[in-house]
Structure formats: structure tokens, C-alpha cells
Amino acid sequence: MTVSPTTRRRGVIAAVILAFIAALFVQSRLDSAIDSTDRDLPTHAVTYGDVWPLDVANTDALRSLGLGERDSYPAGRGMLFVFDRPYPYGFWMKGMRFSIDMVFLSRGRVVFIERGIGPEDRRIVTPPVPVDQVIEFNAGEAQDISLGDRIWYWQGF
């Protein structure tokens, strides 16, 4: 069975239109700014090709505990810390039992990264500029994230 050029062209046009509509839908659901008091907090983060399910720490109690007191954390997942106002928030490894990467963001833009921080590390990791978001990953999982990258968030799936 052969496909006529007209049928093939219509198929390509339909695929392009569907891709455009899908891109508009996704773009309408992505955002880099987060209101920590919003009841509809994001469930996923995306940057150039990578998508991560998120746990959100948006209260003092959740931010204080973070990933502490856990033996492990699911691969490919991140914990997003959301703050009401930008500030150079410090993070420590108190209660941690595994190594992590910390990605510090200002309005969704990566401004500082600290990789491979072990549970024995007693430093307080502080970004050089004010931030309003931090994402913690298992060590090595932020390897494709670079300074200046934009990270968007959405609720769904």
C-alpha cells in the first residue's frame, strides 16, 4: 500500500498542529514563580529535557526537616523548598543519611549549585545571592543542571 503525497502532507500538517497545541498547553501550565501559601503547589519541575516529580517543603516545619531522618530518597525525584521572600538561606546536613545535590534558584533561574554533599559535612551551605527556591536531589542527579538554567514548575500528572 502506498500513501499519496497529499495524504502524507496532510498527516505532517496534522502532526505539526497537534504538536503546537500540546506546546501551548504545556507552556500555559508552566511557571517559575511560586507562592508558598498557594494551595495548588507544583508537583513537577522541568528544565531543558529533564522532568522531576517534586515534594514541596513550603512551611517552616517541612523546610526544617527537609530530607533529614530518611535512609534514602527515590531516584529521579526532588524536594523543592519554597520561601516567601528572597534571602541567602543556609542549608545543612543535620539528620541526613545520604549525599545530595543542592540547586539554589532565584525566580526559577539557577544561581548556585552545591554537588555531592555528604551526610558527614557540617558546613552551612549558603548561596552568594538571595534565593527564593532550593531543590535537593540525590547526589549526582543534578549533574545536567547548570548555572543560569531556567526551571519551570507545574501541577499535574
N, C-alpha and C. Protein backbone atom coordinates (compact mmCIF):
# COMPACT_ATOMS: atom_id res chain seq x y z
N MET A 1 0.85 -1.18 0.00
CA MET A 1 0.00 0.00 0.00
C MET A 1 0.89 1.24 0.00
N THR A 2 0.64 2.14 -0.88
CA THR A 2 1.40 3.38 -0.95
C THR A 2 0.53 4.53 -0.47
N VAL A 3 1.19 5.51 0.10
CA VAL A 3 0.49 6.69 0.59
C VAL A 3 0.75 7.82 -0.39
N SER A 4 -0.31 8.47 -0.79
CA SER A 4 -0.17 9.56 -1.77
C SER A 4 0.53 10.75 -1.11
N PRO A 5 1.19 11.57 -1.91
CA PRO A 5 1.86 12.76 -1.36
C PRO A 5 0.87 13.69 -0.64
N THR A 6 -0.34 13.78 -1.13
CA THR A 6 -1.34 14.65 -0.50
C THR A 6 -1.69 14.13 0.89
N THR A 7 -1.88 12.84 1.02
CA THR A 7 -2.21 12.23 2.31
C THR A 7 -1.04 12.39 3.29
N ARG A 8 0.16 12.18 2.80
CA ARG A 8 1.35 12.34 3.63
C ARG A 8 1.46 13.79 4.11
N ARG A 9 1.25 14.75 3.23
CA ARG A 9 1.33 16.16 3.58
C ARG A 9 0.28 16.51 4.63
N ARG A 10 -0.94 16.00 4.49
CA ARG A 10 -1.99 16.25 5.47
C ARG A 10 -1.61 15.67 6.84
N GLY A 11 -1.00 14.50 6.82
CA GLY A 11 -0.56 13.88 8.07
C GLY A 11 0.51 14.71 8.78
N VAL A 12 1.45 15.24 7.99
CA VAL A 12 2.51 16.08 8.56
C VAL A 12 1.91 17.36 9.11
N ILE A 13 1.01 17.97 8.37
CA ILE A 13 0.36 19.21 8.84
C ILE A 13 -0.42 18.94 10.12
N ALA A 14 -1.14 17.84 10.19
CA ALA A 14 -1.91 17.50 11.39
C ALA A 14 -0.97 17.28 12.58
N ALA A 15 0.15 16.62 12.35
CA ALA A 15 1.12 16.37 13.43
C ALA A 15 1.71 17.68 13.94
N VAL A 16 2.02 18.59 13.03
CA VAL A 16 2.57 19.89 13.42
C VAL A 16 1.55 20.68 14.23
N ILE A 17 0.30 20.67 13.81
CA ILE A 17 -0.75 21.38 14.53
C ILE A 17 -0.93 20.79 15.93
N LEU A 18 -0.96 19.47 16.03
CA LEU A 18 -1.10 18.83 17.33
C LEU A 18 0.09 19.15 18.25
N ALA A 19 1.29 19.14 17.71
CA ALA A 19 2.47 19.48 18.50
C ALA A 19 2.41 20.92 19.00
N PHE A 20 1.94 21.83 18.15
CA PHE A 20 1.81 23.23 18.52
C PHE A 20 0.78 23.39 19.65
N ILE A 21 -0.35 22.72 19.53
CA ILE A 21 -1.39 22.79 20.57
C ILE A 21 -0.87 22.21 21.87
N ALA A 22 -0.16 21.10 21.81
CA ALA A 22 0.41 20.49 23.01
C ALA A 22 1.43 21.43 23.67
N ALA A 23 2.26 22.08 22.86
CA ALA A 23 3.24 23.03 23.40
C ALA A 23 2.55 24.20 24.08
N LEU A 24 1.48 24.72 23.49
CA LEU A 24 0.72 25.80 24.12
C LEU A 24 0.13 25.36 25.45
N PHE A 25 -0.41 24.15 25.49
CA PHE A 25 -1.00 23.63 26.72
C PHE A 25 0.06 23.51 27.81
N VAL A 26 1.20 22.92 27.48
CA VAL A 26 2.26 22.76 28.47
C VAL A 26 2.77 24.13 28.92
N GLN A 27 3.00 25.04 28.01
CA GLN A 27 3.50 26.37 28.36
C GLN A 27 2.53 27.10 29.28
N SER A 28 1.24 26.92 29.07
CA SER A 28 0.25 27.59 29.90
C SER A 28 0.26 27.06 31.33
N ARG A 29 0.79 25.86 31.54
CA ARG A 29 0.80 25.26 32.87
C ARG A 29 2.15 25.39 33.56
N LEU A 30 3.16 25.95 32.88
CA LEU A 30 4.50 26.09 33.46
C LEU A 30 4.67 27.46 34.08
N ASP A 31 5.43 27.52 35.17
CA ASP A 31 5.70 28.78 35.82
C ASP A 31 7.02 28.65 36.56
N SER A 32 7.71 29.77 36.76
CA SER A 32 8.95 29.75 37.53
C SER A 32 8.77 30.38 38.89
N ALA A 33 7.72 31.16 39.07
CA ALA A 33 7.45 31.80 40.35
C ALA A 33 6.43 30.96 41.11
N ILE A 34 6.63 30.86 42.42
CA ILE A 34 5.75 30.06 43.24
C ILE A 34 5.35 30.86 44.46
N ASP A 35 4.08 30.87 44.78
CA ASP A 35 3.58 31.46 46.00
C ASP A 35 3.52 30.35 47.04
N SER A 36 4.31 30.46 48.11
CA SER A 36 4.40 29.37 49.08
C SER A 36 3.10 29.16 49.85
N THR A 37 2.19 30.12 49.79
CA THR A 37 0.92 29.97 50.50
C THR A 37 -0.17 29.41 49.60
N ASP A 38 0.13 29.24 48.33
CA ASP A 38 -0.85 28.73 47.36
C ASP A 38 -1.20 27.28 47.69
N ARG A 39 -2.47 26.95 47.64
CA ARG A 39 -2.89 25.58 47.92
C ARG A 39 -2.56 24.65 46.76
N ASP A 40 -2.41 25.18 45.56
CA ASP A 40 -2.10 24.36 44.38
C ASP A 40 -0.61 24.42 44.09
N LEU A 41 0.16 23.75 44.94
CA LEU A 41 1.61 23.75 44.78
C LEU A 41 2.02 22.84 43.63
N PRO A 42 3.18 23.11 43.05
CA PRO A 42 3.62 22.29 41.91
C PRO A 42 3.93 20.86 42.32
N THR A 43 3.81 19.97 41.37
CA THR A 43 4.14 18.57 41.61
C THR A 43 5.31 18.10 40.75
N HIS A 44 5.73 18.93 39.79
CA HIS A 44 6.82 18.55 38.88
C HIS A 44 7.67 19.78 38.54
N ALA A 45 8.92 19.52 38.21
CA ALA A 45 9.83 20.55 37.72
C ALA A 45 10.39 20.07 36.40
N VAL A 46 10.68 21.03 35.52
CA VAL A 46 11.23 20.69 34.21
C VAL A 46 12.29 21.72 33.83
N THR A 47 13.35 21.23 33.23
CA THR A 47 14.34 22.09 32.60
C THR A 47 14.76 21.38 31.33
N TYR A 48 15.37 22.03 30.47
CA TYR A 48 15.76 21.56 29.15
C TYR A 48 15.91 20.05 29.02
N GLY A 49 14.80 19.35 28.93
CA GLY A 49 14.84 17.92 28.67
C GLY A 49 14.64 17.02 29.88
N ASP A 50 14.79 17.52 31.09
CA ASP A 50 14.61 16.70 32.29
C ASP A 50 13.33 17.08 33.00
N VAL A 51 12.66 16.07 33.55
CA VAL A 51 11.44 16.28 34.33
C VAL A 51 11.60 15.53 35.64
N TRP A 52 11.26 16.18 36.76
CA TRP A 52 11.36 15.55 38.07
C TRP A 52 10.05 15.70 38.82
N PRO A 53 9.54 14.61 39.39
CA PRO A 53 8.46 14.75 40.36
C PRO A 53 9.02 15.47 41.59
N LEU A 54 8.17 16.25 42.27
CA LEU A 54 8.62 17.04 43.41
C LEU A 54 7.83 16.74 44.67
N ASP A 55 8.52 16.85 45.79
CA ASP A 55 7.88 17.01 47.09
C ASP A 55 8.13 18.47 47.44
N VAL A 56 7.15 19.14 48.02
CA VAL A 56 7.28 20.57 48.29
C VAL A 56 7.34 20.83 49.79
N ALA A 57 8.37 21.55 50.21
CA ALA A 57 8.52 21.99 51.60
C ALA A 57 8.22 23.49 51.63
N ASN A 58 7.00 23.85 52.05
CA ASN A 58 6.59 25.25 52.00
C ASN A 58 6.22 25.81 53.37
N THR A 59 6.47 25.05 54.43
CA THR A 59 6.24 25.55 55.79
C THR A 59 7.55 25.46 56.55
N ASP A 60 7.65 26.18 57.66
CA ASP A 60 8.87 26.12 58.46
C ASP A 60 9.18 24.70 58.92
N ALA A 61 8.15 23.98 59.33
CA ALA A 61 8.37 22.61 59.82
C ALA A 61 8.89 21.70 58.70
N LEU A 62 8.29 21.79 57.52
CA LEU A 62 8.73 20.96 56.40
C LEU A 62 10.13 21.36 55.93
N ARG A 63 10.40 22.68 55.89
CA ARG A 63 11.72 23.14 55.46
C ARG A 63 12.79 22.72 56.46
N SER A 64 12.49 22.75 57.74
CA SER A 64 13.45 22.38 58.77
C SER A 64 13.82 20.90 58.68
N LEU A 65 12.85 20.05 58.45
CA LEU A 65 13.11 18.61 58.34
C LEU A 65 13.73 18.26 57.00
N GLY A 66 13.20 18.83 55.92
CA GLY A 66 13.72 18.56 54.58
C GLY A 66 13.81 17.07 54.30
N LEU A 67 14.97 16.63 53.83
CA LEU A 67 15.19 15.22 53.56
C LEU A 67 15.83 14.49 54.74
N GLY A 68 15.96 15.18 55.86
CA GLY A 68 16.57 14.59 57.04
C GLY A 68 15.74 13.44 57.60
N GLU A 69 16.43 12.59 58.37
CA GLU A 69 15.81 11.45 59.05
C GLU A 69 15.28 10.39 58.08
N ARG A 70 15.75 10.39 56.86
CA ARG A 70 15.38 9.35 55.88
C ARG A 70 16.62 8.54 55.55
N ASP A 71 16.42 7.27 55.26
CA ASP A 71 17.53 6.42 54.86
C ASP A 71 17.87 6.58 53.38
N SER A 72 16.89 7.01 52.59
CA SER A 72 17.11 7.20 51.16
C SER A 72 16.00 8.09 50.62
N TYR A 73 16.10 8.40 49.34
CA TYR A 73 15.10 9.21 48.66
C TYR A 73 14.93 8.62 47.27
N PRO A 74 13.71 8.56 46.74
CA PRO A 74 13.50 7.94 45.43
C PRO A 74 14.36 8.58 44.33
N ALA A 75 14.95 7.77 43.51
CA ALA A 75 15.75 8.27 42.38
C ALA A 75 14.87 9.07 41.45
N GLY A 76 15.43 10.14 40.89
CA GLY A 76 14.72 10.94 39.91
C GLY A 76 13.69 11.89 40.51
N ARG A 77 13.71 12.07 41.81
CA ARG A 77 12.75 12.92 42.49
C ARG A 77 13.50 14.07 43.16
N GLY A 78 12.83 15.21 43.37
CA GLY A 78 13.45 16.35 44.05
C GLY A 78 12.57 16.89 45.15
N MET A 79 13.19 17.51 46.15
CA MET A 79 12.43 18.21 47.17
C MET A 79 12.62 19.70 46.94
N LEU A 80 11.52 20.39 46.70
CA LEU A 80 11.52 21.83 46.43
C LEU A 80 11.22 22.58 47.72
N PHE A 81 12.13 23.46 48.10
CA PHE A 81 11.93 24.34 49.24
C PHE A 81 11.50 25.70 48.70
N VAL A 82 10.37 26.20 49.17
CA VAL A 82 9.81 27.46 48.68
C VAL A 82 9.80 28.46 49.83
N PHE A 83 10.29 29.66 49.57
CA PHE A 83 10.34 30.72 50.57
C PHE A 83 9.50 31.91 50.13
N ASP A 84 8.98 32.65 51.12
CA ASP A 84 8.12 33.80 50.84
C ASP A 84 8.87 34.97 50.24
N ARG A 85 10.13 35.12 50.62
CA ARG A 85 10.91 36.26 50.12
C ARG A 85 12.34 35.82 49.86
N PRO A 86 13.01 36.46 48.91
CA PRO A 86 14.40 36.12 48.61
C PRO A 86 15.34 36.46 49.78
N TYR A 87 16.28 35.54 50.02
CA TYR A 87 17.26 35.71 51.09
C TYR A 87 18.34 34.63 50.86
N PRO A 88 19.56 34.85 51.29
CA PRO A 88 20.59 33.82 51.13
C PRO A 88 20.46 32.72 52.21
N TYR A 89 19.41 31.92 52.09
CA TYR A 89 19.11 30.88 53.08
C TYR A 89 20.22 29.85 53.14
N GLY A 90 20.59 29.46 54.36
CA GLY A 90 21.62 28.45 54.56
C GLY A 90 20.99 27.07 54.79
N PHE A 91 21.64 26.04 54.25
CA PHE A 91 21.17 24.67 54.38
C PHE A 91 22.28 23.83 55.00
N TRP A 92 21.91 22.88 55.86
CA TRP A 92 22.89 21.99 56.48
C TRP A 92 22.44 20.56 56.32
N MET A 93 23.32 19.65 56.71
CA MET A 93 23.08 18.22 56.52
C MET A 93 22.63 17.53 57.81
N LYS A 94 22.15 18.28 58.77
CA LYS A 94 21.70 17.72 60.04
C LYS A 94 20.64 16.64 59.80
N GLY A 95 20.88 15.46 60.35
CA GLY A 95 19.92 14.37 60.23
C GLY A 95 19.95 13.65 58.90
N MET A 96 20.87 14.03 58.01
CA MET A 96 20.92 13.39 56.69
C MET A 96 21.69 12.08 56.77
N ARG A 97 21.25 11.10 55.97
CA ARG A 97 21.89 9.79 55.94
C ARG A 97 22.40 9.40 54.55
N PHE A 98 22.29 10.34 53.60
CA PHE A 98 22.77 10.08 52.25
C PHE A 98 23.21 11.40 51.63
N SER A 99 24.00 11.34 50.57
CA SER A 99 24.54 12.54 49.92
C SER A 99 23.52 13.14 48.96
N ILE A 100 23.60 14.46 48.82
CA ILE A 100 22.65 15.17 47.96
C ILE A 100 23.34 16.26 47.14
N ASP A 101 22.63 16.73 46.13
CA ASP A 101 22.97 17.93 45.38
C ASP A 101 21.96 18.99 45.77
N MET A 102 22.41 20.24 45.94
CA MET A 102 21.52 21.37 46.23
C MET A 102 21.58 22.35 45.07
N VAL A 103 20.41 22.73 44.57
CA VAL A 103 20.31 23.69 43.47
C VAL A 103 19.53 24.89 44.00
N PHE A 104 20.18 26.06 44.03
CA PHE A 104 19.59 27.29 44.56
C PHE A 104 19.09 28.13 43.39
N LEU A 105 17.85 28.65 43.52
CA LEU A 105 17.22 29.39 42.43
C LEU A 105 16.67 30.73 42.89
N SER A 106 16.68 31.65 41.98
CA SER A 106 16.02 32.94 42.18
C SER A 106 14.99 33.09 41.06
N ARG A 107 13.72 33.06 41.44
CA ARG A 107 12.61 33.14 40.49
C ARG A 107 12.75 32.14 39.35
N GLY A 108 13.17 30.92 39.68
CA GLY A 108 13.25 29.85 38.70
C GLY A 108 14.54 29.78 37.91
N ARG A 109 15.49 30.67 38.19
CA ARG A 109 16.78 30.67 37.49
C ARG A 109 17.86 30.14 38.44
N VAL A 110 18.65 29.17 37.99
CA VAL A 110 19.69 28.57 38.82
C VAL A 110 20.81 29.59 39.04
N VAL A 111 21.09 29.89 40.33
CA VAL A 111 22.12 30.88 40.66
C VAL A 111 23.29 30.28 41.44
N PHE A 112 23.12 29.06 41.97
CA PHE A 112 24.20 28.43 42.74
C PHE A 112 23.90 26.93 42.84
N ILE A 113 24.95 26.12 42.74
CA ILE A 113 24.80 24.66 42.85
C ILE A 113 25.90 24.14 43.77
N GLU A 114 25.52 23.29 44.69
CA GLU A 114 26.49 22.58 45.54
C GLU A 114 26.23 21.10 45.33
N ARG A 115 27.22 20.38 44.82
CA ARG A 115 27.02 18.98 44.43
C ARG A 115 27.73 18.02 45.40
N GLY A 116 27.11 16.85 45.57
CA GLY A 116 27.74 15.76 46.29
C GLY A 116 28.03 16.04 47.76
N ILE A 117 27.13 16.69 48.44
CA ILE A 117 27.33 17.00 49.85
C ILE A 117 27.00 15.75 50.67
N GLY A 118 27.97 15.27 51.42
CA GLY A 118 27.80 14.05 52.20
C GLY A 118 27.16 14.30 53.55
N PRO A 119 26.58 13.27 54.15
CA PRO A 119 25.91 13.42 55.44
C PRO A 119 26.86 13.82 56.57
N GLU A 120 28.15 13.59 56.39
CA GLU A 120 29.14 13.95 57.41
C GLU A 120 29.55 15.43 57.32
N ASP A 121 29.15 16.11 56.25
CA ASP A 121 29.52 17.51 56.03
C ASP A 121 28.79 18.39 57.06
N ARG A 122 29.52 19.18 57.80
CA ARG A 122 28.92 20.02 58.85
C ARG A 122 28.80 21.49 58.46
N ARG A 123 29.15 21.81 57.23
CA ARG A 123 29.03 23.21 56.77
C ARG A 123 27.58 23.64 56.68
N ILE A 124 27.37 24.93 56.72
CA ILE A 124 26.09 25.51 56.34
C ILE A 124 26.30 26.03 54.92
N VAL A 125 25.61 25.43 53.96
CA VAL A 125 25.76 25.80 52.55
C VAL A 125 24.85 27.00 52.28
N THR A 126 25.47 28.11 51.90
CA THR A 126 24.73 29.36 51.68
C THR A 126 25.05 29.90 50.30
N PRO A 127 24.03 30.25 49.52
CA PRO A 127 24.30 30.81 48.19
C PRO A 127 24.87 32.22 48.30
N PRO A 128 25.59 32.67 47.28
CA PRO A 128 26.18 34.01 47.33
C PRO A 128 25.18 35.13 47.07
N VAL A 129 23.97 34.78 46.65
CA VAL A 129 22.93 35.77 46.36
C VAL A 129 21.61 35.31 46.98
N PRO A 130 20.66 36.23 47.17
CA PRO A 130 19.35 35.82 47.71
C PRO A 130 18.64 34.85 46.76
N VAL A 131 17.95 33.87 47.35
CA VAL A 131 17.18 32.89 46.58
C VAL A 131 15.78 32.77 47.19
N ASP A 132 14.84 32.26 46.40
CA ASP A 132 13.50 32.01 46.93
C ASP A 132 13.08 30.56 46.73
N GLN A 133 13.97 29.75 46.14
CA GLN A 133 13.68 28.33 45.91
C GLN A 133 14.99 27.54 45.99
N VAL A 134 14.88 26.33 46.51
CA VAL A 134 16.02 25.40 46.53
C VAL A 134 15.46 24.02 46.21
N ILE A 135 16.15 23.27 45.37
CA ILE A 135 15.75 21.89 45.10
C ILE A 135 16.90 20.98 45.53
N GLU A 136 16.56 19.96 46.33
CA GLU A 136 17.54 18.95 46.72
C GLU A 136 17.25 17.67 45.96
N PHE A 137 18.32 17.07 45.44
CA PHE A 137 18.26 15.81 44.70
C PHE A 137 19.24 14.83 45.34
N ASN A 138 19.08 13.55 45.06
CA ASN A 138 20.13 12.60 45.40
C ASN A 138 21.41 13.05 44.70
N ALA A 139 22.54 12.79 45.34
CA ALA A 139 23.83 13.19 44.76
C ALA A 139 23.97 12.64 43.35
N GLY A 140 24.40 13.50 42.44
CA GLY A 140 24.62 13.11 41.05
C GLY A 140 23.43 13.35 40.14
N GLU A 141 22.25 13.55 40.71
CA GLU A 141 21.05 13.70 39.88
C GLU A 141 20.87 15.11 39.32
N ALA A 142 21.66 16.06 39.80
CA ALA A 142 21.60 17.42 39.26
C ALA A 142 22.77 17.68 38.31
N GLN A 143 23.40 16.62 37.84
CA GLN A 143 24.61 16.77 37.02
C GLN A 143 24.37 17.52 35.72
N ASP A 144 23.16 17.47 35.17
CA ASP A 144 22.88 18.16 33.91
C ASP A 144 22.34 19.56 34.11
N ILE A 145 22.25 20.02 35.35
CA ILE A 145 21.78 21.37 35.64
C ILE A 145 22.98 22.29 35.73
N SER A 146 22.88 23.47 35.11
CA SER A 146 23.98 24.43 35.09
C SER A 146 23.52 25.79 35.60
N LEU A 147 24.49 26.60 36.02
CA LEU A 147 24.17 27.97 36.41
C LEU A 147 23.48 28.68 35.25
N GLY A 148 22.44 29.43 35.56
CA GLY A 148 21.71 30.16 34.53
C GLY A 148 20.55 29.40 33.93
N ASP A 149 20.50 28.08 34.14
CA ASP A 149 19.36 27.31 33.62
C ASP A 149 18.06 27.82 34.23
N ARG A 150 17.01 27.72 33.46
CA ARG A 150 15.66 28.07 33.94
C ARG A 150 14.96 26.77 34.30
N ILE A 151 14.28 26.76 35.44
CA ILE A 151 13.48 25.62 35.86
C ILE A 151 12.05 26.10 36.01
N TRP A 152 11.13 25.35 35.39
CA TRP A 152 9.72 25.67 35.46
C TRP A 152 9.01 24.63 36.31
N TYR A 153 7.86 25.00 36.85
CA TYR A 153 7.11 24.10 37.71
C TYR A 153 5.69 24.00 37.21
N TRP A 154 5.07 22.86 37.46
CA TRP A 154 3.66 22.74 37.15
C TRP A 154 3.03 21.72 38.07
N GLN A 155 1.72 21.79 38.14
CA GLN A 155 0.95 20.84 38.91
C GLN A 155 0.24 19.94 37.93
N GLY A 156 0.37 18.67 38.10
CA GLY A 156 -0.30 17.77 37.17
C GLY A 156 0.31 16.40 37.14
N PHE A 157 -0.16 15.64 36.20
CA PHE A 157 0.16 14.23 36.01
C PHE A 157 -0.50 13.50 37.11
